[in-house]
């Protein structure tokens, strides 16, 4: 394993974050904070508690997941797309670096940015509501796993996209709606039985449910099932990335 190569890619990608802090960190944190203030105030005044948890505290895990999912995909997809767009990707591909090391560098940087944003949002939320984390170690593990998973997904989107429009299409038209319908602002147990069943086909439900369990000790879906879904998605993304490098899909043309 060429750790020096991974470090070089990782540090280069991270340097973009420190050069554009307003866009990379302040903007997503501010947007999520506005969600918290608006939904917490508007809906929280009508729904005081959900499953015995104050509504303001209940939506915090969902909002953190919303930010982490969005930023993981955005950071990773742009991180690999821009070198393809400028042609500098060929310098990386011609270097003595394995596909695994390339993926580790790009995905590691994207996941790190997302975890930092998630941590800042968590700290910001604690200023508004009283938070209790029932399983802090699991909270960190699930946060990192989610960031890695969707950074891998974003990496694949960045290779698949052949224009800036396609780069935004999947996050805006698929991931964002699934996140809002995945229990970010509500518990799926509040839905009619038919819609509860339909919600179980939404993979985002398992991510938010698991993360909310780490905070509140209760979830809509069993923690074992949720972790299994996350690991299955990681394996699927790794297999897809392996196929891309093996075939040269959208990399050699």
Protein backbone atom coordinates (compact mmCIF):
# COMPACT_ATOMS: atom_id res chain seq x y z
CA UNK A 1 0.00 0.00 0.00
CA UNK A 2 1.45 3.34 -1.10
CA UNK A 3 0.49 5.52 1.86
CA UNK A 4 2.51 8.45 0.53
CA UNK A 5 0.33 8.53 -2.60
CA UNK A 6 -2.86 8.34 -0.54
CA UNK A 7 -1.58 11.16 1.67
CA UNK A 8 -0.75 13.35 -1.35
CA UNK A 9 -4.25 12.98 -2.85
CA UNK A 10 -5.88 13.37 0.55
CA UNK A 11 -4.01 16.56 1.46
CA UNK A 12 -4.59 18.07 -1.99
CA UNK A 13 -8.34 17.51 -1.71
CA UNK A 14 -8.45 18.78 1.87
CA UNK A 15 -6.58 21.94 0.84
CA UNK A 16 -9.57 22.93 -1.30
CA UNK A 17 -11.70 23.00 1.84
CA UNK A 18 -9.40 25.40 3.66
CA UNK A 19 -9.18 27.66 0.59
CA UNK A 20 -12.99 27.99 0.38
CA UNK A 21 -14.26 27.78 3.98
CA UNK A 22 -17.44 29.76 3.28
CA UNK A 23 -18.55 27.37 0.56
CA UNK A 24 -17.17 24.16 2.06
CA UNK A 25 -18.10 24.54 5.74
CA UNK A 26 -20.05 27.69 6.62
CA UNK A 27 -22.70 27.33 3.89
CA UNK A 28 -23.86 23.75 4.72
CA UNK A 29 -23.75 24.42 8.46
CA UNK A 30 -25.80 27.61 8.06
CA UNK A 31 -28.34 25.88 5.79
CA UNK A 32 -28.82 23.02 8.25
CA UNK A 33 -29.10 25.44 11.17
CA UNK A 34 -31.90 27.26 9.33
CA UNK A 35 -33.69 23.93 8.84
CA UNK A 36 -33.36 23.35 12.56
CA UNK A 37 -34.65 26.78 13.53
CA UNK A 38 -37.54 26.80 11.05
CA UNK A 39 -38.76 23.22 11.49
CA UNK A 40 -37.98 23.15 15.20
CA UNK A 41 -39.99 26.31 15.79
CA UNK A 42 -42.83 25.78 13.32
CA UNK A 43 -43.47 22.08 13.87
CA UNK A 44 -42.08 21.87 17.40
CA UNK A 45 -44.75 24.26 18.63
CA UNK A 46 -47.38 21.74 17.49
CA UNK A 47 -45.56 18.44 18.09
CA UNK A 48 -43.87 18.79 21.45
CA UNK A 49 -42.50 15.25 21.71
CA UNK A 50 -41.95 12.19 19.51
CA UNK A 51 -41.59 8.87 21.33
CA UNK A 52 -40.95 10.77 24.53
CA UNK A 53 -38.19 12.94 23.02
CA UNK A 54 -38.51 16.71 22.59
CA UNK A 55 -39.12 17.43 18.91
CA UNK A 56 -36.15 19.78 18.66
CA UNK A 57 -33.80 17.06 19.92
CA UNK A 58 -35.59 14.41 17.84
CA UNK A 59 -34.77 16.04 14.48
CA UNK A 60 -31.06 16.65 15.24
CA UNK A 61 -29.84 13.20 14.07
CA UNK A 62 -31.88 13.50 10.88
CA UNK A 63 -30.50 16.96 10.12
CA UNK A 64 -26.93 15.79 10.69
CA UNK A 65 -27.52 12.87 8.33
CA UNK A 66 -29.06 15.22 5.76
CA UNK A 67 -25.93 17.37 5.80
CA UNK A 68 -23.50 14.45 5.84
CA UNK A 69 -25.22 12.65 2.94
CA UNK A 70 -25.39 15.80 0.82
CA UNK A 71 -21.84 16.95 1.49
CA UNK A 72 -20.32 13.47 1.10
CA UNK A 73 -21.81 13.08 -2.37
CA UNK A 74 -21.03 16.66 -3.38
CA UNK A 75 -17.41 16.65 -2.18
CA UNK A 76 -16.53 13.25 -3.62
CA UNK A 77 -18.28 13.73 -6.97
CA UNK A 78 -16.72 17.14 -7.60
CA UNK A 79 -13.34 15.94 -6.31
CA UNK A 80 -13.04 13.29 -9.05
CA UNK A 81 -15.06 15.07 -11.75
CA UNK A 82 -12.94 18.22 -11.84
CA UNK A 83 -9.68 16.33 -12.64
CA UNK A 84 -11.59 14.51 -15.40
CA UNK A 85 -12.91 17.83 -16.70
CA UNK A 86 -9.45 19.47 -16.76
CA UNK A 87 -7.62 16.34 -17.91
CA UNK A 88 -5.34 16.14 -14.88
CA UNK A 89 -6.85 12.76 -14.01
CA UNK A 90 -4.49 11.19 -16.54
CA UNK A 91 -1.52 12.25 -14.42
CA UNK A 92 -3.02 10.33 -11.50
CA UNK A 93 -3.87 7.29 -13.63
CA UNK A 94 -0.38 7.17 -15.13
CA UNK A 95 1.33 7.37 -11.73
CA UNK A 96 2.39 4.17 -9.93
CA UNK A 97 -0.77 4.22 -7.80
CA UNK A 98 -3.31 1.43 -7.49
CA UNK A 99 -7.07 2.06 -7.92
CA UNK A 100 -7.57 1.32 -4.22
CA UNK A 101 -5.10 4.05 -3.28
CA UNK A 102 -6.79 6.55 -5.62
CA UNK A 103 -10.21 5.78 -4.13
CA UNK A 104 -8.84 5.93 -0.58
CA UNK A 105 -7.34 9.39 -1.17
CA UNK A 106 -10.39 10.98 -2.79
CA UNK A 107 -13.02 9.25 -0.64
CA UNK A 108 -11.03 9.73 2.56
CA UNK A 109 -10.86 13.49 2.02
CA UNK A 110 -14.56 13.77 1.13
CA UNK A 111 -15.57 11.70 4.16
CA UNK A 112 -13.35 13.77 6.46
CA UNK A 113 -14.99 17.01 5.29
CA UNK A 114 -18.44 15.53 5.89
CA UNK A 115 -17.55 14.31 9.39
CA UNK A 116 -16.19 17.77 10.27
CA UNK A 117 -19.43 19.38 9.08
CA UNK A 118 -21.49 16.81 11.01
CA UNK A 119 -19.51 17.55 14.18
CA UNK A 120 -19.98 21.32 13.76
CA UNK A 121 -23.72 20.89 13.24
CA UNK A 122 -23.91 18.70 16.34
CA UNK A 123 -22.15 21.40 18.35
CA UNK A 124 -24.43 24.08 16.91
CA UNK A 125 -27.57 22.05 17.69
CA UNK A 126 -26.47 21.66 21.30
CA UNK A 127 -26.78 25.44 21.64
CA UNK A 128 -30.48 25.24 20.79
CA UNK A 129 -31.64 22.06 22.54
CA UNK A 130 -30.53 19.73 25.30
CA UNK A 131 -28.93 16.70 23.67
CA UNK A 132 -28.23 13.30 25.18
CA UNK A 133 -26.19 10.75 23.25
CA UNK A 134 -27.09 7.28 24.49
CA UNK A 135 -24.36 5.47 22.52
CA UNK A 136 -21.54 7.94 21.73
CA UNK A 137 -19.15 5.34 20.27
CA UNK A 138 -21.84 4.01 17.95
CA UNK A 139 -22.71 7.58 17.02
CA UNK A 140 -19.14 8.21 15.82
CA UNK A 141 -18.96 4.83 14.04
CA UNK A 142 -22.26 5.38 12.21
CA UNK A 143 -21.29 8.94 11.28
CA UNK A 144 -17.98 7.79 9.78
CA UNK A 145 -19.56 4.79 8.02
CA UNK A 146 -22.25 6.97 6.47
CA UNK A 147 -19.69 9.55 5.33
CA UNK A 148 -17.51 6.85 3.73
CA UNK A 149 -20.48 5.11 2.12
CA UNK A 150 -21.89 8.19 0.42
CA UNK A 151 -18.46 9.53 -0.45
CA UNK A 152 -17.97 6.29 -2.38
CA UNK A 153 -21.35 6.82 -4.00
CA UNK A 154 -20.41 10.39 -4.87
CA UNK A 155 -17.08 9.21 -6.31
CA UNK A 156 -19.00 6.90 -8.66
CA UNK A 157 -21.37 9.73 -9.65
CA UNK A 158 -18.36 11.95 -10.39
CA UNK A 159 -17.01 9.37 -12.81
CA UNK A 160 -20.40 8.66 -14.37
CA UNK A 161 -21.31 12.32 -14.95
CA UNK A 162 -20.25 13.85 -18.26
CA UNK A 163 -21.40 17.36 -17.38
CA UNK A 164 -22.06 19.60 -14.38
CA UNK A 165 -25.80 19.10 -14.86
CA UNK A 166 -25.52 15.35 -14.34
CA UNK A 167 -23.23 15.96 -11.38
CA UNK A 168 -26.15 17.60 -9.56
CA UNK A 169 -28.95 15.45 -10.98
CA UNK A 170 -28.69 12.41 -8.69
CA UNK A 171 -28.24 14.36 -5.41
CA UNK A 172 -31.09 16.78 -6.21
CA UNK A 173 -33.61 14.46 -7.86
CA UNK A 174 -33.00 11.22 -5.96
CA UNK A 175 -30.96 11.54 -2.76
CA UNK A 176 -32.54 14.75 -1.40
CA UNK A 177 -36.18 13.55 -1.79
CA UNK A 178 -35.30 10.15 -0.28
CA UNK A 179 -33.66 11.91 2.66
CA UNK A 180 -36.68 14.12 3.36
CA UNK A 181 -38.95 11.05 3.07
CA UNK A 182 -36.59 8.94 5.18
CA UNK A 183 -37.69 10.15 8.60
CA UNK A 184 -35.54 13.27 8.89
CA UNK A 185 -38.32 15.28 10.51
CA UNK A 186 -40.62 12.50 11.71
CA UNK A 187 -40.75 8.90 12.86
CA UNK A 188 -42.10 6.45 10.30
CA UNK A 189 -44.17 4.95 13.13
CA UNK A 190 -46.32 8.08 12.80
CA UNK A 191 -47.33 7.01 9.28
CA UNK A 192 -50.25 4.73 8.35
CA UNK A 193 -49.26 1.02 8.18
CA UNK A 194 -49.18 0.99 4.37
CA UNK A 195 -46.78 3.93 4.18
CA UNK A 196 -44.63 2.45 6.93
CA UNK A 197 -44.13 -0.58 4.69
CA UNK A 198 -43.38 1.62 1.68
CA UNK A 199 -40.84 3.59 3.71
CA UNK A 200 -38.85 0.43 4.39
CA UNK A 201 -37.86 0.38 0.70
CA UNK A 202 -36.12 3.72 1.22
CA UNK A 203 -32.47 2.99 2.17
CA UNK A 204 -32.10 6.39 3.84
CA UNK A 205 -34.60 5.27 6.50
CA UNK A 206 -32.07 2.75 7.82
CA UNK A 207 -29.29 5.34 8.04
CA UNK A 208 -31.37 7.90 9.90
CA UNK A 209 -32.94 5.25 12.12
CA UNK A 210 -29.56 3.86 13.16
CA UNK A 211 -28.11 7.31 13.81
CA UNK A 212 -31.16 8.35 15.82
CA UNK A 213 -30.80 5.15 17.87
CA UNK A 214 -27.26 6.19 18.82
CA UNK A 215 -28.71 9.40 20.27
CA UNK A 216 -31.99 8.28 21.79
CA UNK A 217 -31.67 4.52 22.24
CA UNK A 218 -34.74 3.83 20.10
CA UNK A 219 -35.25 3.45 16.37
CA UNK A 220 -37.83 2.71 13.70
CA UNK A 221 -35.71 -0.20 12.39
CA UNK A 222 -33.50 -2.63 14.31
CA UNK A 223 -29.89 -1.46 14.60
CA UNK A 224 -28.62 -4.79 13.24
CA UNK A 225 -30.72 -4.43 10.10
CA UNK A 226 -29.61 -0.82 9.62
CA UNK A 227 -25.90 -1.64 9.94
CA UNK A 228 -26.39 -4.55 7.53
CA UNK A 229 -27.92 -2.23 4.93
CA UNK A 230 -25.04 0.26 5.34
CA UNK A 231 -22.40 -2.47 4.94
CA UNK A 232 -24.20 -3.93 1.90
CA UNK A 233 -24.21 -0.49 0.26
CA UNK A 234 -20.48 -0.07 0.97
CA UNK A 235 -19.75 -3.43 -0.65
CA UNK A 236 -21.89 -2.50 -3.67
CA UNK A 237 -20.10 0.84 -4.10
CA UNK A 238 -16.66 -0.80 -3.76
CA UNK A 239 -17.61 -3.42 -6.35
CA UNK A 240 -18.80 -0.68 -8.72
CA UNK A 241 -15.61 1.35 -8.23
CA UNK A 242 -13.53 -1.78 -8.86
CA UNK A 243 -15.43 -2.43 -12.09
CA UNK A 244 -14.90 1.17 -13.21
CA UNK A 245 -11.12 0.96 -12.83
CA UNK A 246 -11.00 -2.53 -14.30
CA UNK A 247 -12.88 -1.50 -17.45
CA UNK A 248 -11.71 2.13 -17.62
CA UNK A 249 -15.32 3.33 -17.82
CA UNK A 250 -15.35 7.11 -18.41
CA UNK A 251 -11.68 7.27 -17.33
CA UNK A 252 -9.84 6.31 -20.50
CA UNK A 253 -11.92 8.46 -22.85
